[in-house]
Each structure stands twice: as C-alpha cells, then as structure tokens.
Protein backbone atom coordinates (compact mmCIF):
# COMPACT_ATOMS: atom_id res chain seq x y z
CA MET A 1 0.00 0.00 0.00
CA ASN A 2 1.47 3.32 -1.06
CA THR A 3 1.43 5.66 1.95
CA ASP A 4 2.70 8.68 0.05
CA PRO A 5 0.04 11.37 0.71
CA GLN A 6 0.44 12.42 -2.93
CA HIS A 7 -1.25 9.14 -3.92
CA ARG A 8 -3.54 8.57 -0.98
CA ARG A 9 -6.66 10.02 0.53
CA ALA A 10 -7.92 9.37 4.03
CA ALA A 11 -11.61 8.63 3.99
CA GLY A 12 -13.58 11.69 4.95
CA TRP A 13 -17.22 12.07 3.99
CA ILE A 14 -18.32 10.37 0.80
CA ALA A 15 -22.08 10.16 0.73
CA ALA A 16 -24.47 8.26 -1.53
CA ALA A 17 -23.62 8.19 -5.21
CA ALA A 18 -25.95 11.06 -6.05
CA ALA A 19 -24.93 13.19 -3.10
CA VAL A 20 -22.79 16.29 -3.30
CA THR A 21 -20.13 17.72 -1.05
CA ALA A 22 -18.31 21.00 -0.71
CA VAL A 23 -14.53 20.91 -0.97
CA CYS A 24 -12.54 22.80 1.66
CA ALA A 25 -9.19 24.39 0.88
CA VAL A 26 -6.18 24.41 3.22
CA GLY A 27 -6.98 26.42 6.31
CA GLY A 28 -10.60 25.36 6.28
CA ALA A 29 -11.97 28.09 4.02
CA ALA A 30 -14.87 26.90 1.93
CA ALA A 31 -14.11 26.43 -1.74
CA SER A 32 -15.84 24.86 -4.72
CA VAL A 33 -18.74 22.44 -4.58
CA ALA A 34 -18.46 19.12 -6.42
CA THR A 35 -20.24 15.83 -6.73
CA VAL A 36 -18.75 12.67 -5.25
CA ASP A 37 -17.63 11.54 -8.68
CA SER A 38 -15.83 14.78 -9.44
CA VAL A 39 -14.11 14.77 -6.05
CA VAL A 40 -12.76 11.30 -6.80
CA SER A 41 -11.72 12.36 -10.29
CA ALA A 42 -9.91 15.41 -8.95
CA LEU A 43 -8.03 13.28 -6.44
CA SER A 44 -7.01 10.88 -9.17
CA ALA A 45 -6.06 13.46 -11.74
CA LYS A 46 -4.34 15.93 -9.44
CA GLN A 47 -2.91 13.39 -7.01
CA ALA A 48 -4.23 15.48 -4.13
CA THR A 49 -1.52 17.01 -1.98
CA SER A 50 -3.46 16.42 1.23
CA ALA A 51 -6.88 15.50 2.52
CA GLU A 52 -7.00 19.02 3.93
CA GLN A 53 -7.34 20.26 0.37
CA ASN A 54 -10.16 17.82 -0.29
CA GLY A 55 -11.94 17.54 3.06
CA GLN A 56 -15.65 17.29 2.48
CA SER A 57 -17.90 19.87 4.10
CA PHE A 58 -21.36 20.04 5.57
CA GLY A 59 -23.88 22.74 6.35
CA ASP A 60 -25.44 22.56 9.83
CA SER A 61 -29.18 22.13 10.09
CA GLY A 62 -29.02 21.55 13.82
CA ASN A 63 -28.08 25.10 14.87
CA SER A 64 -30.35 28.09 15.09
CA GLY A 65 -28.75 30.25 12.45
CA ASP A 66 -25.46 30.63 14.32
CA SER A 67 -23.43 28.89 11.65
CA THR A 68 -23.43 29.56 7.93
CA LEU A 69 -23.00 27.10 5.12
CA PRO A 70 -19.66 26.50 3.42
CA GLY A 71 -19.06 29.02 0.70
CA GLN A 72 -20.87 31.67 2.72
CA GLY A 73 -18.05 32.67 5.00
CA GLY A 74 -18.84 30.27 7.84
CA SER A 75 -17.83 26.87 9.07
CA GLY A 76 -18.90 23.55 7.63
CA TYR A 77 -18.78 19.87 8.44
CA GLY A 78 -16.24 17.47 7.01
CA PHE A 79 -12.69 16.31 7.54
CA GLY A 80 -9.18 17.71 7.32
CA GLN A 81 -5.79 16.02 7.36
CA SER A 82 -2.33 17.49 7.54
CA GLY A 83 -0.26 16.90 4.44
CA ASP A 84 2.28 14.78 6.30
CA GLY A 85 -0.40 12.43 7.66
CA SER A 86 0.16 13.60 11.24
CA SER A 87 -2.52 13.90 13.92
CA SER A 88 -3.03 16.04 17.00
CA GLY A 89 -4.19 13.05 19.12
CA ALA A 90 -2.20 10.66 21.28
CA ALA A 91 -1.42 7.05 20.42
CA ALA A 92 -4.27 4.75 21.41
CA THR A 93 -3.62 2.49 24.37
CA SER A 94 -3.76 -1.29 24.07
CA SER A 95 -7.22 -1.37 25.65
CA GLN A 96 -8.46 1.32 23.26
CA GLN A 97 -7.16 -0.71 20.30
CA GLU A 98 -9.03 -3.84 21.35
CA GLY A 99 -11.69 -4.73 18.79
CA VAL A 100 -10.67 -1.94 16.39
CA VAL A 101 -9.40 -2.34 12.83
CA VAL A 102 -7.66 -0.16 10.25
CA ILE A 103 -9.28 -0.25 6.82
CA ASP A 104 -7.43 0.40 3.56
CA THR A 105 -9.28 0.43 0.26
CA VAL A 106 -8.36 0.59 -3.39
CA LEU A 107 -10.71 2.49 -5.68
CA GLY A 108 -9.65 0.74 -8.84
CA TYR A 109 -11.91 2.61 -11.23
CA GLU A 110 -10.63 5.96 -9.93
CA SER A 111 -6.95 5.00 -9.49
CA ALA A 112 -7.17 6.14 -5.87
CA GLU A 113 -6.80 4.75 -2.37
CA ALA A 114 -8.59 5.51 0.89
CA ALA A 115 -8.21 4.77 4.58
CA GLY A 116 -10.57 4.53 7.52
CA THR A 117 -11.41 2.57 10.66
CA GLY A 118 -13.90 -0.05 11.85
CA ILE A 119 -14.89 -2.13 14.85
CA ILE A 120 -15.05 -5.93 15.22
CA LEU A 121 -18.55 -7.26 15.91
CA THR A 122 -17.92 -11.01 15.84
CA ARG A 123 -15.00 -13.35 16.50
CA ASP A 124 -15.12 -14.59 12.91
CA GLY A 125 -14.53 -11.11 11.52
CA GLU A 126 -17.72 -9.16 10.98
CA ILE A 127 -16.77 -5.48 10.82
CA LEU A 128 -18.90 -2.36 11.33
CA THR A 129 -17.80 0.87 9.65
CA ASN A 130 -19.10 3.90 7.76
CA ASN A 131 -20.34 3.41 4.23
CA HIS A 132 -18.20 6.28 3.01
CA VAL A 133 -15.06 4.43 4.14
CA VAL A 134 -15.64 1.66 1.58
CA GLU A 135 -17.78 3.40 -1.04
CA GLY A 136 -16.30 3.00 -4.51
CA SER A 137 -13.80 0.39 -3.36
CA THR A 138 -12.72 -2.54 -5.51
CA LYS A 139 -10.38 -4.04 -2.91
CA ILE A 140 -10.56 -3.86 0.88
CA THR A 141 -7.76 -4.78 3.30
CA VAL A 142 -8.44 -4.79 7.03
CA THR A 143 -5.75 -4.91 9.71
CA VAL A 144 -6.56 -5.85 13.30
CA ALA A 145 -4.91 -3.15 15.39
CA SER A 146 -4.14 -5.31 18.42
CA THR A 147 -2.39 -8.09 16.48
CA GLY A 148 -1.23 -6.45 13.25
CA LYS A 149 -2.72 -9.29 11.20
CA SER A 150 -4.29 -8.29 7.88
CA TYR A 151 -7.22 -9.82 5.99
CA THR A 152 -9.00 -9.19 2.74
CA ALA A 153 -12.63 -8.25 3.26
CA SER A 154 -15.87 -8.55 1.34
CA VAL A 155 -18.87 -6.26 1.57
CA VAL A 156 -21.84 -7.85 3.33
CA GLY A 157 -24.01 -4.79 2.75
CA THR A 158 -24.18 -1.02 2.84
CA ASP A 159 -26.59 1.76 3.76
CA ALA A 160 -25.44 4.92 1.98
CA THR A 161 -28.32 7.00 3.35
CA ASP A 162 -27.42 6.34 6.99
CA ASP A 163 -23.69 5.87 6.29
CA VAL A 164 -23.28 2.35 7.67
CA ALA A 165 -21.51 -0.64 6.15
CA VAL A 166 -20.83 -4.21 7.27
CA LEU A 167 -17.78 -6.15 6.06
CA GLN A 168 -16.69 -9.77 6.48
CA LEU A 169 -13.04 -10.68 6.90
CA ASN A 170 -11.98 -13.69 4.85
CA GLY A 171 -10.55 -16.54 6.93
CA ALA A 172 -10.75 -14.80 10.28
CA SER A 173 -11.46 -16.57 13.58
CA GLY A 174 -10.89 -16.06 17.28
CA LEU A 175 -10.82 -12.26 17.06
CA SER A 176 -11.33 -10.01 20.07
CA THR A 177 -14.54 -8.04 19.62
CA ALA A 178 -15.26 -4.45 20.57
CA ALA A 179 -16.95 -3.81 23.90
CA LEU A 180 -20.32 -2.27 23.07
CA ASP A 181 -22.11 0.05 25.47
CA ASP A 182 -24.92 -1.52 27.50
CA ASP A 183 -25.75 1.44 29.74
CA GLY A 184 -28.00 3.36 27.37
CA ASP A 185 -27.36 6.54 25.43
CA PRO A 186 -24.67 8.99 26.56
CA THR A 187 -25.67 12.26 28.21
CA LEU A 188 -24.41 15.80 27.85
CA GLY A 189 -21.05 16.30 29.51
CA ASP A 190 -20.06 12.62 29.47
CA ASP A 191 -16.36 11.99 28.86
CA VAL A 192 -15.68 10.29 25.52
CA THR A 193 -12.67 9.30 23.43
CA ALA A 194 -12.61 9.10 19.64
CA VAL A 195 -10.30 6.34 18.38
CA GLY A 196 -9.31 5.95 14.76
CA ASN A 197 -6.80 5.83 11.94
CA ALA A 198 -6.36 9.62 12.02
CA GLY A 199 -4.48 10.90 9.00
CA GLY A 200 -4.62 7.47 7.37
CA THR A 201 -1.24 6.56 8.85
CA GLY A 202 -2.22 3.01 9.80
CA SER A 203 -1.74 3.67 13.51
CA LEU A 204 -4.63 4.28 15.89
CA VAL A 205 -4.89 7.62 17.64
CA ALA A 206 -7.13 8.60 20.59
CA ALA A 207 -8.64 12.07 21.06
CA GLU A 208 -10.41 12.90 24.31
CA GLY A 209 -13.45 15.13 24.69
CA THR A 210 -16.96 15.34 26.06
CA VAL A 211 -20.46 14.95 24.68
CA THR A 212 -21.59 18.43 23.67
CA GLY A 213 -24.86 17.60 21.94
CA LEU A 214 -27.37 14.84 21.24
CA ASP A 215 -29.80 14.05 18.44
CA LYS A 216 -27.94 16.39 16.09
CA THR A 217 -28.57 16.73 12.35
CA ILE A 218 -25.99 17.61 9.72
CA THR A 219 -26.68 18.13 6.04
CA THR A 220 -24.34 17.99 3.07
CA GLU A 221 -24.38 21.11 0.97
CA ALA A 222 -26.34 20.71 -2.25
CA GLU A 223 -24.99 21.51 -5.70
CA SER A 224 -27.29 23.06 -8.29
CA SER A 225 -30.35 20.80 -8.60
CA VAL A 226 -28.72 17.82 -6.84
CA ALA A 227 -30.28 17.29 -3.43
CA SER A 228 -28.28 17.36 -0.22
CA GLU A 229 -27.85 14.37 2.10
CA THR A 230 -28.83 14.44 5.76
CA LEU A 231 -27.76 12.41 8.82
CA ASN A 232 -29.97 12.58 11.89
CA GLY A 233 -29.74 11.64 15.55
CA LEU A 234 -25.99 12.10 15.85
CA ILE A 235 -23.87 12.44 18.98
CA GLU A 236 -21.89 15.69 19.00
CA THR A 237 -18.51 15.87 20.71
CA ASN A 238 -15.57 18.24 21.00
CA ALA A 239 -13.15 15.33 20.60
CA ASP A 240 -10.83 16.04 17.67
CA ILE A 241 -12.20 13.65 15.03
CA GLU A 242 -10.06 13.72 11.88
CA ALA A 243 -9.91 12.26 8.40
CA GLY A 244 -9.33 8.52 8.65
CA ASP A 245 -11.17 8.23 11.98
CA SER A 246 -14.38 7.43 10.11
CA GLY A 247 -15.89 4.15 11.24
CA GLY A 248 -13.86 4.13 14.44
CA PRO A 249 -15.33 3.88 17.95
CA LEU A 250 -16.42 6.74 20.15
CA LEU A 251 -15.70 5.29 23.61
CA ASP A 252 -17.29 6.25 26.91
CA SER A 253 -15.45 6.47 30.23
CA GLU A 254 -15.78 2.70 30.65
CA GLY A 255 -14.11 2.05 27.31
CA GLU A 256 -17.34 0.88 25.68
CA VAL A 257 -18.45 1.91 22.19
CA VAL A 258 -21.26 4.49 22.28
CA GLY A 259 -20.94 5.68 18.69
CA ILE A 260 -19.24 5.39 15.32
CA ASP A 261 -17.04 8.39 14.40
CA THR A 262 -18.50 9.83 11.20
CA ALA A 263 -18.00 13.56 10.60
CA ALA A 264 -16.36 16.70 11.98
CA SER A 265 -16.49 20.45 11.62
CA SER A 266 -14.22 22.28 9.21
CA GLY A 267 -13.30 25.92 8.84
CA SER A 268 -13.90 26.84 12.46
CA THR A 269 -11.74 27.32 15.55
CA VAL A 270 -14.25 25.18 17.46
CA THR A 271 -14.04 21.42 16.89
CA ASP A 272 -17.33 19.60 16.57
CA GLY A 273 -17.22 15.89 15.89
CA TYR A 274 -20.21 13.70 15.10
CA ALA A 275 -20.85 10.01 15.68
CA ILE A 276 -23.68 7.67 14.78
CA PRO A 277 -25.09 6.19 18.03
CA ILE A 278 -24.05 2.55 18.31
CA ASP A 279 -27.65 1.36 18.77
CA THR A 280 -28.60 3.03 15.47
CA ALA A 281 -25.64 1.53 13.64
CA LEU A 282 -26.30 -1.94 15.05
CA THR A 283 -29.97 -1.85 14.01
CA ILE A 284 -28.88 -1.21 10.43
CA ALA A 285 -26.14 -3.84 10.71
CA ASP A 286 -28.74 -6.38 11.87
CA GLN A 287 -30.84 -5.64 8.79
CA ILE A 288 -27.80 -6.06 6.54
CA GLU A 289 -26.81 -9.32 8.24
CA SER A 290 -30.30 -10.70 7.72
CA GLY A 291 -30.08 -9.99 4.00
CA GLN A 292 -33.02 -7.58 3.96
CA ALA A 293 -32.46 -5.18 1.08
CA SER A 294 -34.51 -1.98 1.05
CA SER A 295 -34.61 1.44 -0.56
CA THR A 296 -31.56 2.37 1.54
CA VAL A 297 -29.83 -0.98 2.16
CA THR A 298 -27.84 -2.80 -0.54
CA ILE A 299 -26.89 -6.41 0.15
CA GLY A 300 -23.48 -7.36 -1.25
CA LEU A 301 -22.11 -5.46 -4.21
CA PRO A 302 -24.41 -3.55 -6.56
CA ALA A 303 -25.01 -4.25 -10.24
CA PHE A 304 -22.59 -2.28 -12.39
CA LEU A 305 -22.96 -0.89 -15.90
CA GLY A 306 -19.72 1.09 -16.12
CA VAL A 307 -20.78 4.58 -17.13
CA GLU A 308 -20.15 7.91 -15.49
CA VAL A 309 -23.21 10.11 -15.93
CA SER A 310 -23.47 13.87 -15.79
CA PRO A 311 -25.38 15.47 -12.91
CA ASP A 312 -29.06 16.18 -13.42
CA THR A 313 -28.56 19.87 -14.12
CA THR A 314 -29.81 22.07 -16.93
CA GLY A 315 -28.22 20.90 -20.13
CA TYR A 316 -27.57 17.33 -18.99
CA GLY A 317 -30.26 14.80 -19.75
CA THR A 318 -33.13 16.94 -18.56
CA GLY A 319 -34.75 17.90 -21.83
CA SER A 320 -32.50 20.81 -22.66
CA GLY A 321 -31.28 21.47 -26.20
CA TYR A 322 -28.06 19.94 -27.54
CA SER A 323 -25.83 20.83 -30.47
CA TYR A 324 -23.12 18.44 -31.61
CA GLY A 325 -20.73 19.09 -34.47
CA ASP A 326 -17.88 17.32 -36.26
CA ASP A 327 -14.67 18.57 -37.86
CA GLN A 328 -16.48 19.07 -41.18
CA GLY A 329 -18.91 21.54 -39.67
CA TYR A 330 -21.88 19.17 -39.71
CA GLY A 331 -23.84 18.54 -36.56
CA TYR A 332 -27.05 17.66 -34.85
CA SER A 333 -29.29 19.86 -32.78
CA GLY A 334 -32.17 18.54 -30.78
CA THR A 335 -33.70 17.77 -27.43
CA VAL A 336 -32.94 14.47 -25.75
CA ASP A 337 -34.28 13.32 -22.42
CA GLY A 338 -32.10 10.80 -20.65
CA ALA A 339 -28.90 10.16 -18.72
CA SER A 340 -26.00 11.96 -20.35
CA VAL A 341 -22.88 9.77 -20.45
CA ALA A 342 -19.80 11.66 -19.26
CA GLY A 343 -17.47 8.67 -19.52
CA VAL A 344 -17.28 4.91 -20.05
CA ILE A 345 -14.97 2.59 -18.12
CA ASP A 346 -12.94 0.14 -20.19
CA GLY A 347 -13.77 -3.53 -19.79
CA THR A 348 -17.28 -2.94 -18.45
CA PRO A 349 -20.69 -3.90 -19.89
CA ALA A 350 -21.18 -0.34 -21.12
CA ALA A 351 -17.92 -0.45 -23.07
CA SER A 352 -18.84 -3.82 -24.58
CA ALA A 353 -22.17 -2.41 -25.73
CA GLY A 354 -20.43 0.44 -27.53
CA LEU A 355 -21.57 3.30 -25.31
CA ALA A 356 -19.35 6.37 -25.48
CA GLU A 357 -18.95 9.76 -23.90
CA GLY A 358 -21.59 12.14 -25.23
CA ASP A 359 -24.25 9.45 -25.65
CA THR A 360 -27.58 9.76 -23.85
CA ILE A 361 -29.21 6.66 -22.36
CA THR A 362 -32.94 6.93 -22.98
CA ALA A 363 -34.36 3.58 -21.84
CA VAL A 364 -33.63 0.44 -19.81
CA ASN A 365 -35.66 -2.65 -20.70
CA GLY A 366 -38.04 -0.41 -22.61
CA SER A 367 -38.75 1.90 -19.67
CA ALA A 368 -37.96 5.54 -20.38
CA ILE A 369 -34.97 7.14 -18.68
CA ALA A 370 -35.37 10.91 -18.34
CA SER A 371 -32.41 11.70 -16.11
CA SER A 372 -29.26 10.36 -14.49
CA SER A 373 -31.18 9.66 -11.30
CA ASP A 374 -33.69 7.61 -13.31
CA LEU A 375 -30.82 5.46 -14.59
CA THR A 376 -29.45 4.97 -11.07
CA THR A 377 -32.89 3.93 -9.84
CA ALA A 378 -33.44 1.53 -12.75
CA LEU A 379 -30.08 -0.22 -12.28
CA ALA A 380 -30.56 -0.43 -8.50
CA GLU A 381 -33.46 -2.80 -9.14
CA HIS A 382 -31.07 -5.33 -10.67
CA SER A 383 -28.37 -7.66 -9.37
CA PRO A 384 -25.00 -8.61 -10.82
CA GLY A 385 -25.55 -11.17 -13.56
CA ASP A 386 -28.86 -9.69 -14.71
CA SER A 387 -29.25 -8.90 -18.40
CA VAL A 388 -30.75 -5.54 -19.37
CA THR A 389 -31.50 -3.93 -22.71
CA LEU A 390 -30.21 -0.39 -23.09
CA THR A 391 -31.40 2.20 -25.58
CA TRP A 392 -29.37 5.30 -26.25
CA THR A 393 -28.89 8.18 -28.66
CA ASP A 394 -25.41 9.10 -29.85
CA ALA A 395 -24.04 12.57 -30.55
CA SER A 396 -25.22 12.47 -34.16
CA GLY A 397 -28.79 11.73 -33.13
CA SER A 398 -28.76 8.06 -34.13
CA SER A 399 -30.53 5.57 -31.88
CA HIS A 400 -28.90 2.34 -30.68
CA SER A 401 -29.91 -0.65 -28.58
CA ALA A 402 -27.95 -3.49 -26.97
CA THR A 403 -28.40 -6.14 -24.30
CA VAL A 404 -25.70 -6.32 -21.63
CA THR A 405 -25.04 -8.45 -18.57
CA LEU A 406 -24.46 -6.35 -15.48
CA THR A 407 -21.35 -7.15 -13.45
CA GLU A 408 -20.41 -6.60 -9.80
CA GLY A 409 -19.60 -2.99 -9.14
CA PRO A 410 -17.52 -1.27 -6.50
CA ALA A 411 -19.11 -0.90 -3.06
CA ALA A 412 -22.19 1.32 -3.14
C-alpha cells in the first residue's frame, strides 16, 4: 500500500452516489462544490496534496442560524488532514485498540486509495464501519490493530443514506470483539474518546473530549439541482475527530463503544465531531446481516454498468437542447431526455455495448430514462448477472440498442 500522501486520501465524507459535497481548501476556508464523482476524479487526476485540500464539508441544520453554510463565510462539516499524515491526538492504548481495525481500500476505477477505521462485531470477523469508508472500493484490506494481522474483506451490505456498512473478513477466527455500550445513550457532559486511523497513517490515535450535543442533524451542501444528504440523531462531541477516523469507535469512560465516528467540523476554531449512536448503527447492521435489502440498504455489491453520468442539471439529460458538431462543420441539434454519459470505463458492460462519452441513455428494458437519477434507480433494481436492454442516442442523433449483462460494481 502506497502511503505517500500524494497518492492517498484518508476517507472523509463520501455520501451516496448522487450526493454532493463541498470541498474545503487548506486552512478550512470553503471552496468549490463538487459531486462525489468529481471529487474522486480530482483526487485521481491531481494526485491530491493532502486531505486538507479535499476535506468534504457540511452545512449545519441543527443550529439556530449561528453557523453559515460553506461558501458563505462560515464553518462547515467534514474532515481535514495534515499533508504529512500527522494527527493532534495521542497514540491509542492497548485497551483502546481492542476490537478496532484499520481499513485500507483501493478504488480501482478511480486509481485512488482511501483509509478509515472499523470495529469488530464477531469473533469470525464481521466489521462495522461507515459506508463512506468503503464506497467506490474494488479491494478492501483490514488490519486488526491489536495483532497487526491483515485480511482481505468482502462487503456484506451497505446503507449509503445512513452511512453504515458491514464487512466480512476472509478466513478470520478467534478475534477479540469491541466492547459495546450496554448502559443506554450517553448524556451531555459525558467523557468520551474518539479512536481511529487519524491521517490514514495506519496507527490508531485517541482524542479525548466530552459529549456536547445529542440528536444532532448535519446536512451535506447541495450543488445546483442535486439534493443534499442528511444524517440525523448524531452524537456531537468536541473530541478532535479527523480524516481517517471514520468508522472508528467513540468510547465512553468505561471504554465501551457508544458511537461510530462519522464527521467533523471544518473551517472553524471550534471542533465539533459527530458520531452515529451505536444502537442506530447496530440496528442497520442487523438488517444487513439478515439480507433484507430496502430502498436504503444494498446487500453485497451492486449491479454495475460502467458509465459515469453527468449530474441532473440544466443541459444534462433533462430535456435541454443539444448541439453536436464534427470537424467538417456538420452537426445535430435537438432535445434528448435521458442520462448523459460523461465517460465509459474500459472492460465494463457499457464499453462492450459500444456506449461512449456524449451518448444519452434513454431507456432500460423499454422503460424511459429521463435523467441520471432515473438510470441509477433503474439499475438499482437489478443484481449482478442480470441482463438488461439499453437504448441510447449518440451525438449524431442516431438511436442504438444493446443487451448487456451487469457485473459486480464497487461498493455502493
């Protein structure tokens, strides 16, 4: 695993595929807003110099107007990491490391890597973490902090809406599990410690603090017509949660897990960290373990077509006019409803079908596709191995159709 920060990103917030985030510059000032896909592309193309330059931000819907959204001169929610991968916390003790794992992922389709944290639920290697730690991954390696032993991991299921994922270590047995809280929810003022792979260094760090809020809501900043994403019912703490801590335990004074570290403030002198309550995370994990897919829960890996689609904004697959020309001066002008293809990944079903950048997918199995979100919804109804018939219009206005077999995609 390449640990050079030029080639690595510590997992901050990466929400559901259609979600958007705001990118914070060094120093925490709010900068441009981008979709998840474009954040990943920027990291790949620019070989991001630090996670501080790419920390994802959030607007706060839990305050009463005392904090402005990123891009409006105020603070936001997200993650930052120093360029050298350092952290302000202290090394975790042996007891704090018990039942905690370091997660490294490869995002093969984006030529990127990510890092995060997780907790061990069962002795045979069931792992609880944030969805955004593994989203987009094509390979997952998990290292047990207390022993240093590494395993490959498979995705049992994910919930992108609530930011929870369950992994299974391959060939694991006899692991020490995390001590989960059995005393009920924390209360304001309780001492807590956030433990995680801060900075993506591979070593666990502990940051002490107190519970400063309960039942908090944070919302990702929307971009254009793309809706924001919201997490509810979070524990707020002043413990210094950093990039790479995601999925790690928030421990109470007894050393028991009361929450899963998930997000933190950015662009402010006051540190606010946020954790999903452990009872909430375990309820979702139970649903995943039982194999109950839903509108928010995906079991296993999703079906994969292999196209990058443009956002549903004016001019992209929403009925706006298009003009396409060639080097002879001839072109096509018209109105096409559908999902505008921004790119096609080599070796995927889409590439085999002959789809190309600039095409517009207009139907799946005969059902009309009017937008990128329609395409996402249609494909979500299928499993890897399913055959679907695609209809699309190319840049010249010609219509095409092909039947493809969907493959396993990266984690949802």
